[in-house]
C-alpha atoms as a PDB file:
ATOM      1  CA  MET A   1      15.794   7.755  14.932  1.00  0.00           C
ATOM      2  CA  GLY A   2      19.147  10.190  13.226  1.00  0.00           C
ATOM      3  CA  PRO A   3      20.599  10.050   9.734  1.00  0.00           C
ATOM      4  CA  ARG A   4      22.380   7.088   9.786  1.00  0.00           C
ATOM      5  CA  ASP A   5      19.535   4.805  11.591  1.00  0.00           C
ATOM      6  CA  LEU A   6      17.796   5.436   8.350  1.00  0.00           C
ATOM      7  CA  TYR A   7      20.937   4.676   6.115  1.00  0.00           C
ATOM      8  CA  ARG A   8      20.352   1.575   8.118  1.00  0.00           C
ATOM      9  CA  LEU A   9      16.788   0.495   7.578  1.00  0.00           C
ATOM     10  CA  LEU A  10      17.982   0.759   3.469  1.00  0.00           C
ATOM     11  CA  ALA A  11      21.739  -1.176   3.604  1.00  0.00           C
ATOM     12  CA  GLN A  12      22.495  -3.704   1.531  1.00  0.00           C
ATOM     13  CA  ARG A  13      23.772  -5.922   4.968  1.00  0.00           C
ATOM     14  CA  ARG A  14      20.918  -6.457   7.222  1.00  0.00           C
ATOM     15  CA  ARG A  15      19.331  -7.474  10.469  1.00  0.00           C
ATOM     16  CA  PRO A  16      16.141  -9.280  11.305  1.00  0.00           C
ATOM     17  CA  VAL A  17      15.553  -5.968  13.247  1.00  0.00           C
ATOM     18  CA  THR A  18      16.383  -3.966  10.594  1.00  0.00           C
ATOM     19  CA  ASN A  19      13.810  -5.210   8.530  1.00  0.00           C
ATOM     20  CA  TRP A  20      10.981  -5.008  11.292  1.00  0.00           C
ATOM     21  CA  ARG A  21      12.033  -1.214  12.212  1.00  0.00           C
ATOM     22  CA  LEU A  22      11.336  -1.039   7.558  1.00  0.00           C
ATOM     23  CA  GLY A  23       8.642  -3.094   7.463  1.00  0.00           C
ATOM     24  CA  GLY A  24       6.448  -1.614  10.499  1.00  0.00           C
ATOM     25  CA  LEU A  25       7.082   1.137   9.057  1.00  0.00           C
ATOM     26  CA  LEU A  26       5.503   0.701   5.813  1.00  0.00           C
ATOM     27  CA  ALA A  27       2.904  -1.105   6.996  1.00  0.00           C
ATOM     28  CA  PHE A  28       1.716   2.029   8.874  1.00  0.00           C
ATOM     29  CA  VAL A  29       2.341   3.638   4.935  1.00  0.00           C
ATOM     30  CA  ALA A  30       0.548   1.433   3.561  1.00  0.00           C
ATOM     31  CA  GLY A  31      -2.905   1.298   5.469  1.00  0.00           C
ATOM     32  CA  ALA A  32      -2.763   5.209   6.059  1.00  0.00           C
ATOM     33  CA  ILE A  33      -2.784   5.083   1.500  1.00  0.00           C
ATOM     34  CA  ASN A  34      -4.939   2.318   1.311  1.00  0.00           C
ATOM     35  CA  ALA A  35      -7.697   3.569   4.079  1.00  0.00           C
ATOM     36  CA  GLY A  36      -7.408   7.230   2.746  1.00  0.00           C
ATOM     37  CA  GLY A  37      -7.304   5.641  -1.440  1.00  0.00           C
ATOM     38  CA  TYR A  38     -10.858   3.544  -0.643  1.00  0.00           C
ATOM     39  CA  LEU A  39     -12.215   7.041   0.437  1.00  0.00           C
ATOM     40  CA  ALA A  40     -10.626   9.012  -2.486  1.00  0.00           C
ATOM     41  CA  VAL A  41     -11.517   6.045  -4.843  1.00  0.00           C
ATOM     42  CA  HIS A  42     -13.959   3.413  -2.586  1.00  0.00           C
ATOM     43  CA  ARG A  43     -12.008   0.743  -4.084  1.00  0.00           C
ATOM     44  CA  TYR A  44      -9.156  -0.842  -1.596  1.00  0.00           C
ATOM     45  CA  THR A  45      -5.874  -1.918  -3.586  1.00  0.00           C
ATOM     46  CA  SER A  46      -3.174  -3.030  -0.927  1.00  0.00           C
ATOM     47  CA  HIS A  47      -3.804  -6.654  -1.969  1.00  0.00           C
ATOM     48  CA  VAL A  48      -4.702  -8.139  -4.971  1.00  0.00           C
ATOM     49  CA  SER A  49      -7.228 -11.236  -3.618  1.00  0.00           C
ATOM     50  CA  GLY A  50     -10.369  -9.208  -3.282  1.00  0.00           C
ATOM     51  CA  VAL A  51      -9.776  -7.775  -6.674  1.00  0.00           C
ATOM     52  CA  ILE A  52      -9.384 -11.479  -7.820  1.00  0.00           C
ATOM     53  CA  SER A  53     -12.394 -12.624  -6.090  1.00  0.00           C
ATOM     54  CA  SER A  54     -15.161  -9.943  -7.624  1.00  0.00           C
ATOM     55  CA  VAL A  55     -13.528 -10.508 -10.925  1.00  0.00           C
ATOM     56  CA  ALA A  56     -14.751 -14.190 -11.176  1.00  0.00           C
ATOM     57  CA  ASP A  57     -18.208 -12.992  -9.355  1.00  0.00           C
ATOM     58  CA  ASP A  58     -18.739 -10.262 -12.263  1.00  0.00           C
ATOM     59  CA  LEU A  59     -17.600 -13.023 -15.074  1.00  0.00           C
ATOM     60  CA  ALA A  60     -20.012 -15.463 -13.482  1.00  0.00           C
ATOM     61  CA  ALA A  61     -22.576 -12.958 -14.247  1.00  0.00           C
ATOM     62  CA  ALA A  62     -21.107 -11.539 -17.678  1.00  0.00           C
ATOM     63  CA  ASP A  63     -21.076  -8.072 -16.221  1.00  0.00           C
ATOM     64  CA  PHE A  64     -17.631  -7.521 -17.912  1.00  0.00           C
ATOM     65  CA  MET A  65     -17.183  -3.861 -17.037  1.00  0.00           C
ATOM     66  CA  PRO A  66     -16.077  -4.561 -14.235  1.00  0.00           C
ATOM     67  CA  VAL A  67     -14.351  -7.801 -14.814  1.00  0.00           C
ATOM     68  CA  LEU A  68     -12.024  -5.301 -17.218  1.00  0.00           C
ATOM     69  CA  ASP A  69     -11.731  -3.456 -13.621  1.00  0.00           C
ATOM     70  CA  GLY A  70     -10.775  -5.767 -11.881  1.00  0.00           C
ATOM     71  CA  LEU A  71      -8.333  -6.722 -14.290  1.00  0.00           C
ATOM     72  CA  ALA A  72      -7.079  -3.437 -15.013  1.00  0.00           C
ATOM     73  CA  VAL A  73      -6.427  -2.709 -10.839  1.00  0.00           C
ATOM     74  CA  PHE A  74      -4.639  -6.848 -10.736  1.00  0.00           C
ATOM     75  CA  ALA A  75      -2.140  -5.831 -13.647  1.00  0.00           C
ATOM     76  CA  ALA A  76      -1.227  -2.601 -12.035  1.00  0.00           C
ATOM     77  CA  PHE A  77       0.017  -3.775  -8.704  1.00  0.00           C
ATOM     78  CA  LEU A  78       2.020  -6.784 -10.947  1.00  0.00           C
ATOM     79  CA  SER A  79       3.766  -3.811 -12.609  1.00  0.00           C
ATOM     80  CA  GLY A  80       4.385  -2.260  -9.582  1.00  0.00           C
ATOM     81  CA  ALA A  81       5.912  -5.384  -7.962  1.00  0.00           C
ATOM     82  CA  ALA A  82       7.931  -5.691 -11.424  1.00  0.00           C
ATOM     83  CA  CYS A  83       8.414  -2.461 -11.838  1.00  0.00           C
ATOM     84  CA  SER A  84       9.729  -2.550  -7.667  1.00  0.00           C
ATOM     85  CA  ALA A  85      12.277  -5.235  -8.782  1.00  0.00           C
ATOM     86  CA  VAL A  86      13.615  -3.741 -11.876  1.00  0.00           C
ATOM     87  CA  LEU A  87      14.439  -1.507 -10.142  1.00  0.00           C
ATOM     88  CA  ILE A  88      16.877  -3.193  -7.394  1.00  0.00           C
ATOM     89  CA  ASN A  89      18.513  -5.310  -9.882  1.00  0.00           C
ATOM     90  CA  TRP A  90      19.244  -2.465 -11.720  1.00  0.00           C
ATOM     91  CA  ALA A  91      20.838  -0.424  -9.275  1.00  0.00           C
ATOM     92  CA  ARG A  92      23.058  -3.502  -7.382  1.00  0.00           C
ATOM     93  CA  ARG A  93      23.809  -4.380 -10.766  1.00  0.00           C
ATOM     94  CA  ARG A  94      25.758  -1.012 -10.701  1.00  0.00           C
ATOM     95  CA  ARG A  95      26.720  -1.641  -6.837  1.00  0.00           C
ATOM     96  CA  MET A  96      24.911   0.994  -5.473  1.00  0.00           C
ATOM     97  CA  ARG A  97      24.423   2.048  -1.960  1.00  0.00           C
ATOM     98  CA  SER A  98      20.740   2.835  -2.440  1.00  0.00           C
ATOM     99  CA  THR A  99      19.732  -0.483  -4.179  1.00  0.00           C
ATOM    100  CA  TYR A 100      16.430  -0.650  -1.929  1.00  0.00           C
ATOM    101  CA  ALA A 101      16.656   3.051  -1.800  1.00  0.00           C
ATOM    102  CA  LEU A 102      15.933   4.046  -5.388  1.00  0.00           C
ATOM    103  CA  ALA A 103      12.979   1.850  -5.202  1.00  0.00           C
ATOM    104  CA  LEU A 104      11.183   3.411  -2.289  1.00  0.00           C
ATOM    105  CA  PHE A 105      12.166   6.705  -3.943  1.00  0.00           C
ATOM    106  CA  PHE A 106       9.782   6.342  -6.607  1.00  0.00           C
ATOM    107  CA  GLU A 107       7.156   5.092  -4.353  1.00  0.00           C
ATOM    108  CA  ALA A 108       7.420   8.525  -2.910  1.00  0.00           C
ATOM    109  CA  LEU A 109       7.001  10.412  -6.111  1.00  0.00           C
ATOM    110  CA  LEU A 110       4.118   8.500  -7.025  1.00  0.00           C
ATOM    111  CA  LEU A 111       2.556   9.567  -4.214  1.00  0.00           C
ATOM    112  CA  LEU A 112       2.927  13.273  -5.009  1.00  0.00           C
ATOM    113  CA  ILE A 113       1.247  12.695  -8.604  1.00  0.00           C
ATOM    114  CA  PHE A 114      -1.826  10.616  -6.059  1.00  0.00           C
ATOM    115  CA  GLY A 115      -1.973  14.372  -4.041  1.00  0.00           C
ATOM    116  CA  LEU A 116      -1.893  16.105  -7.863  1.00  0.00           C
ATOM    117  CA  PHE A 117      -4.480  13.802  -9.534  1.00  0.00           C
ATOM    118  CA  GLY A 118      -7.068  14.435  -6.614  1.00  0.00           C
ATOM    119  CA  ALA A 119      -6.269  18.011  -7.177  1.00  0.00           C
ATOM    120  CA  HIS A 120      -8.438  18.282 -10.497  1.00  0.00           C
ATOM    121  CA  ILE A 121     -10.364  15.033  -9.913  1.00  0.00           C
ATOM    122  CA  GLY A 122     -13.378  17.045  -9.548  1.00  0.00           C
ATOM    123  CA  VAL A 123     -13.780  18.490 -12.200  1.00  0.00           C
ATOM    124  CA  LEU A 124     -11.683  15.270 -14.410  1.00  0.00           C
ATOM    125  CA  ALA A 125     -13.706  12.554 -12.998  1.00  0.00           C
ATOM    126  CA  PRO A 126     -14.036  10.203 -15.833  1.00  0.00           C
ATOM    127  CA  ILE A 127     -10.361  10.312 -16.772  1.00  0.00           C
ATOM    128  CA  LEU A 128      -8.733  11.171 -13.871  1.00  0.00           C
ATOM    129  CA  LEU A 129     -10.467   8.788 -10.891  1.00  0.00           C
ATOM    130  CA  PRO A 130      -9.873   5.496 -12.794  1.00  0.00           C
ATOM    131  CA  ALA A 131      -6.328   6.242 -13.316  1.00  0.00           C
ATOM    132  CA  THR A 132      -5.966   7.162  -9.716  1.00  0.00           C
ATOM    133  CA  VAL A 133      -6.764   3.685  -8.473  1.00  0.00           C
ATOM    134  CA  LEU A 134      -4.646   2.527 -10.944  1.00  0.00           C
ATOM    135  CA  LEU A 135      -1.634   4.592  -9.574  1.00  0.00           C
ATOM    136  CA  LEU A 136      -2.649   2.802  -5.934  1.00  0.00           C
ATOM    137  CA  GLY A 137      -2.360   0.064  -7.232  1.00  0.00           C
ATOM    138  CA  PHE A 138       0.826   0.352  -9.056  1.00  0.00           C
ATOM    139  CA  VAL A 139       2.126   2.540  -6.360  1.00  0.00           C
ATOM    140  CA  MET A 140       0.983  -0.524  -3.678  1.00  0.00           C
ATOM    141  CA  GLY A 141       2.489  -3.641  -5.975  1.00  0.00           C
ATOM    142  CA  LEU A 142       5.780  -1.415  -5.453  1.00  0.00           C
ATOM    143  CA  GLN A 143       5.882  -1.060  -2.349  1.00  0.00           C
ATOM    144  CA  ASN A 144       5.171  -4.994  -1.382  1.00  0.00           C
ATOM    145  CA  ALA A 145       7.907  -5.945  -3.409  1.00  0.00           C
ATOM    146  CA  ILE A 146      10.455  -3.681  -2.181  1.00  0.00           C
ATOM    147  CA  VAL A 147      10.056  -5.454   1.580  1.00  0.00           C
ATOM    148  CA  THR A 148       9.772  -8.568   0.151  1.00  0.00           C
ATOM    149  CA  LYS A 149      12.836  -8.642  -1.540  1.00  0.00           C
ATOM    150  CA  VAL A 150      14.628  -6.626   1.111  1.00  0.00           C
ATOM    151  CA  SER A 151      13.440  -9.194   3.571  1.00  0.00           C
ATOM    152  CA  GLN A 152      13.736 -11.904   1.887  1.00  0.00           C
ATOM    153  CA  ALA A 153      10.046 -12.738   2.016  1.00  0.00           C
ATOM    154  CA  GLU A 154       9.489 -12.524   5.637  1.00  0.00           C
ATOM    155  CA  VAL A 155       7.151  -9.530   5.389  1.00  0.00           C
ATOM    156  CA  ARG A 156       4.692  -7.721   4.092  1.00  0.00           C
ATOM    157  CA  THR A 157       3.310  -4.143   4.583  1.00  0.00           C
ATOM    158  CA  THR A 158       0.794  -4.196   2.515  1.00  0.00           C
ATOM    159  CA  HIS A 159      -2.108  -6.922   3.145  1.00  0.00           C
ATOM    160  CA  MET A 160      -2.646  -8.753   6.605  1.00  0.00           C
ATOM    161  CA  THR A 161      -3.538 -12.009   5.410  1.00  0.00           C
ATOM    162  CA  GLY A 162      -0.474 -13.736   5.933  1.00  0.00           C
ATOM    163  CA  VAL A 163       0.958 -11.962   9.122  1.00  0.00           C
ATOM    164  CA  THR A 164      -2.818 -12.620  10.200  1.00  0.00           C
ATOM    165  CA  THR A 165      -2.130 -16.341   9.664  1.00  0.00           C
ATOM    166  CA  ASP A 166       1.613 -16.241  10.500  1.00  0.00           C
ATOM    167  CA  LEU A 167       0.289 -14.374  13.912  1.00  0.00           C
ATOM    168  CA  GLY A 168      -2.257 -16.849  14.594  1.00  0.00           C
ATOM    169  CA  ILE A 169       0.527 -19.522  14.268  1.00  0.00           C
ATOM    170  CA  GLU A 170       2.478 -17.898  16.579  1.00  0.00           C
ATOM    171  CA  LEU A 171       0.030 -17.627  18.791  1.00  0.00           C
ATOM    172  CA  GLY A 172      -1.198 -21.495  18.892  1.00  0.00           C
ATOM    173  CA  ARG A 173       2.319 -22.217  19.501  1.00  0.00           C
ATOM    174  CA  LEU A 174       2.198 -20.391  22.753  1.00  0.00           C
ATOM    175  CA  MET A 175      -1.251 -21.865  24.581  1.00  0.00           C
ATOM    176  CA  TYR A 176       0.221 -24.827  22.992  1.00  0.00           C
ATOM    177  CA  TRP A 177       0.837 -27.578  26.461  1.00  0.00           C
ATOM    178  CA  ASN A 178       4.235 -29.680  26.182  1.00  0.00           C
ATOM    179  CA  ARG A 179       3.081 -32.407  28.236  1.00  0.00           C
ATOM    180  CA  SER A 180       5.658 -34.204  28.507  1.00  0.00           C
ATOM    181  CA  ALA A 181       8.082 -31.756  27.216  1.00  0.00           C
ATOM    182  CA  ALA A 182      11.502 -33.546  29.432  1.00  0.00           C
ATOM    183  CA  ALA A 183      10.796 -37.125  28.496  1.00  0.00           C
ATOM    184  CA  ASN A 184      10.300 -36.192  24.413  1.00  0.00           C
ATOM    185  CA  ARG A 185      12.606 -33.020  23.391  1.00  0.00           C
ATOM    186  CA  ARG A 186      12.282 -33.245  19.794  1.00  0.00           C
ATOM    187  CA  HIS A 187       8.254 -33.164  19.955  1.00  0.00           C
ATOM    188  CA  LEU A 188       8.766 -29.956  21.338  1.00  0.00           C
ATOM    189  CA  VAL A 189       6.283 -27.125  20.188  1.00  0.00           C
ATOM    190  CA  ARG A 190       8.421 -23.174  21.326  1.00  0.00           C
ATOM    191  CA  ALA A 191       6.251 -20.154  19.832  1.00  0.00           C
ATOM    192  CA  ASN A 192       8.957 -18.118  18.727  1.00  0.00           C
ATOM    193  CA  ARG A 193       8.340 -14.311  21.174  1.00  0.00           C
ATOM    194  CA  ASP A 194      10.454 -12.207  17.910  1.00  0.00           C
ATOM    195  CA  ARG A 195       8.505 -13.253  15.488  1.00  0.00           C
ATOM    196  CA  LEU A 196       5.514 -13.053  17.573  1.00  0.00           C
ATOM    197  CA  LYS A 197       6.133  -9.622  18.524  1.00  0.00           C
ATOM    198  CA  VAL A 198       6.592  -8.680  14.525  1.00  0.00           C
ATOM    199  CA  HIS A 199       3.703 -10.054  13.122  1.00  0.00           C
ATOM    200  CA  ALA A 200       1.445  -7.935  16.046  1.00  0.00           C
ATOM    201  CA  THR A 201       3.437  -5.022  15.548  1.00  0.00           C
ATOM    202  CA  VAL A 202       3.158  -4.685  11.787  1.00  0.00           C
ATOM    203  CA  LEU A 203      -0.407  -5.170  11.905  1.00  0.00           C
ATOM    204  CA  GLY A 204      -0.625  -3.091  14.904  1.00  0.00           C
ATOM    205  CA  LEU A 205       0.845  -0.440  13.171  1.00  0.00           C
ATOM    206  CA  PHE A 206      -1.111  -1.537   9.516  1.00  0.00           C
ATOM    207  CA  PHE A 207      -4.732  -0.153  11.216  1.00  0.00           C
ATOM    208  CA  LEU A 208      -2.954   2.641  13.061  1.00  0.00           C
ATOM    209  CA  GLY A 209      -1.889   3.888   9.991  1.00  0.00           C
ATOM    210  CA  GLY A 210      -5.759   3.298   8.076  1.00  0.00           C
ATOM    211  CA  VAL A 211      -7.007   4.985  11.043  1.00  0.00           C
ATOM    212  CA  VAL A 212      -4.378   8.132  10.053  1.00  0.00           C
ATOM    213  CA  GLY A 213      -4.769   7.748   6.444  1.00  0.00           C
ATOM    214  CA  ALA A 214      -8.824   8.019   7.248  1.00  0.00           C
ATOM    215  CA  SER A 215      -9.202  10.517   9.184  1.00  0.00           C
ATOM    216  CA  ALA A 216      -6.358  12.921   7.215  1.00  0.00           C
ATOM    217  CA  PHE A 217      -8.099  12.129   4.113  1.00  0.00           C
ATOM    218  CA  LYS A 218     -11.957  13.418   5.777  1.00  0.00           C
ATOM    219  CA  ARG A 219     -10.005  16.774   7.309  1.00  0.00           C
ATOM    220  CA  PHE A 220      -7.322  17.284   3.804  1.00  0.00           C
ATOM    221  CA  GLY A 221      -8.912  15.162   1.281  1.00  0.00           C
ATOM    222  CA  PHE A 222      -5.530  14.190  -1.400  1.00  0.00           C
ATOM    223  CA  ALA A 223      -3.316  16.478   0.780  1.00  0.00           C
ATOM    224  CA  MET A 224      -2.888  13.581   3.390  1.00  0.00           C
ATOM    225  CA  THR A 225       0.035  11.958   0.773  1.00  0.00           C
ATOM    226  CA  ILE A 226       2.097  14.712   1.425  1.00  0.00           C
ATOM    227  CA  PRO A 227       3.407  13.916   4.975  1.00  0.00           C
ATOM    228  CA  PHE A 228       4.052  10.291   3.519  1.00  0.00           C
ATOM    229  CA  SER A 229       5.749  10.931   0.675  1.00  0.00           C
ATOM    230  CA  ILE A 230       7.789  13.911   2.935  1.00  0.00           C
ATOM    231  CA  GLY A 231       8.252  10.871   4.823  1.00  0.00           C
ATOM    232  CA  LEU A 232       9.787   8.037   2.300  1.00  0.00           C
ATOM    233  CA  ILE A 233      11.743  10.753   1.044  1.00  0.00           C
ATOM    234  CA  ALA A 234      13.587  11.234   4.250  1.00  0.00           C
ATOM    235  CA  ILE A 235      14.146   7.983   4.799  1.00  0.00           C
ATOM    236  CA  VAL A 236      15.764   7.099   1.603  1.00  0.00           C
ATOM    237  CA  SER A 237      17.736  10.028   1.415  1.00  0.00           C
ATOM    238  CA  PRO A 238      21.116   9.075   3.331  1.00  0.00           C
ATOM    239  CA  SER A 239      20.823   5.727   0.935  1.00  0.00           C
ATOM    240  CA  LEU A 240      21.041   7.878  -1.819  1.00  0.00           C
ATOM    241  CA  VAL A 241      22.943  11.147  -0.763  1.00  0.00           C
ATOM    242  CA  ALA A 242      25.516   8.430  -0.243  1.00  0.00           C
ATOM    243  CA  ASP A 243      25.227   7.356  -4.141  1.00  0.00           C
ATOM    244  CA  LEU A 244      25.663  11.077  -5.277  1.00  0.00           C
ATOM    245  CA  ARG A 245      28.564  11.365  -2.505  1.00  0.00           C
ATOM    246  CA  ARG A 246      30.582   8.490  -3.560  1.00  0.00           C
ATOM    247  CA  ARG A 247      29.859   9.356  -7.857  1.00  0.00           C
ATOM    248  CA  TRP A 248      31.128  12.236  -7.153  1.00  0.00           C
ATOM    249  CA  GLY A 249      34.242  11.768  -4.967  1.00  0.00           C
ATOM    250  CA  GLY A 250      32.639  12.818  -1.590  1.00  0.00           C
ATOM    251  CA  PRO A 251      33.129  11.317   1.882  1.00  0.00           C
ATOM    252  CA  ARG A 252      31.695   8.127   1.963  1.00  0.00           C
ATOM    253  CA  THR A 253      28.504   6.726   3.917  1.00  0.00           C
ATOM    254  CA  SER A 254      29.696   2.764   5.785  1.00  0.00           C
ATOM    255  CA  ASN A 255      27.246   0.195   5.106  1.00  0.00           C
ATOM    256  CA  HIS A 256      27.696  -1.306   8.609  1.00  0.00           C
END
């Protein structure tokens, strides 16, 4: 994948196939960070459904410290999504070519910080472990909002509940038997094979990312985030460079 292809991944003028490619790449990253992060902090941070359920259980049991912990993770995820929206709208208002790249670049920097936290977590665990959990929650909220904005809510990457549901719907349509299709075409049931392929790919890449992330953490520890951070920086670099060239009067990159 060359610089022009990377540029198109985050271009403002988009095609469905571009959204699917970006969604697949980021699903792989999310799966890796979610699985590796669990081994690091013993908590999944890519979705809030389990967090809310845990808060409800702990509240019913009058165990208030876990309630506060869960609310903090929820707030971190929510803040990450809000931050993504602020960065995207800020860049869009200034007609920047890196409208989406800016938020993704911020995610890459945060993953580096995650690695730096991990290097000292053994010494300062009581302080840095909670901060690391919140950082991961913030990153996952940030990324999920980026892909949601980019794809107009067609693709989600940090949790697979909706993806699996949509995949099941398309599989049901694919298996449906249209007995009288010729007589009643208005009620003909057909699966969207493109969407079926996309959801299966995103789900598979999330799972593959989880395997890679968990294996990398076992071998390299918190340093496993560095390749993912570098990969994200490579994805956003063409868009950021295009804005820098535009600002300083250099050659422009096409947005098509």
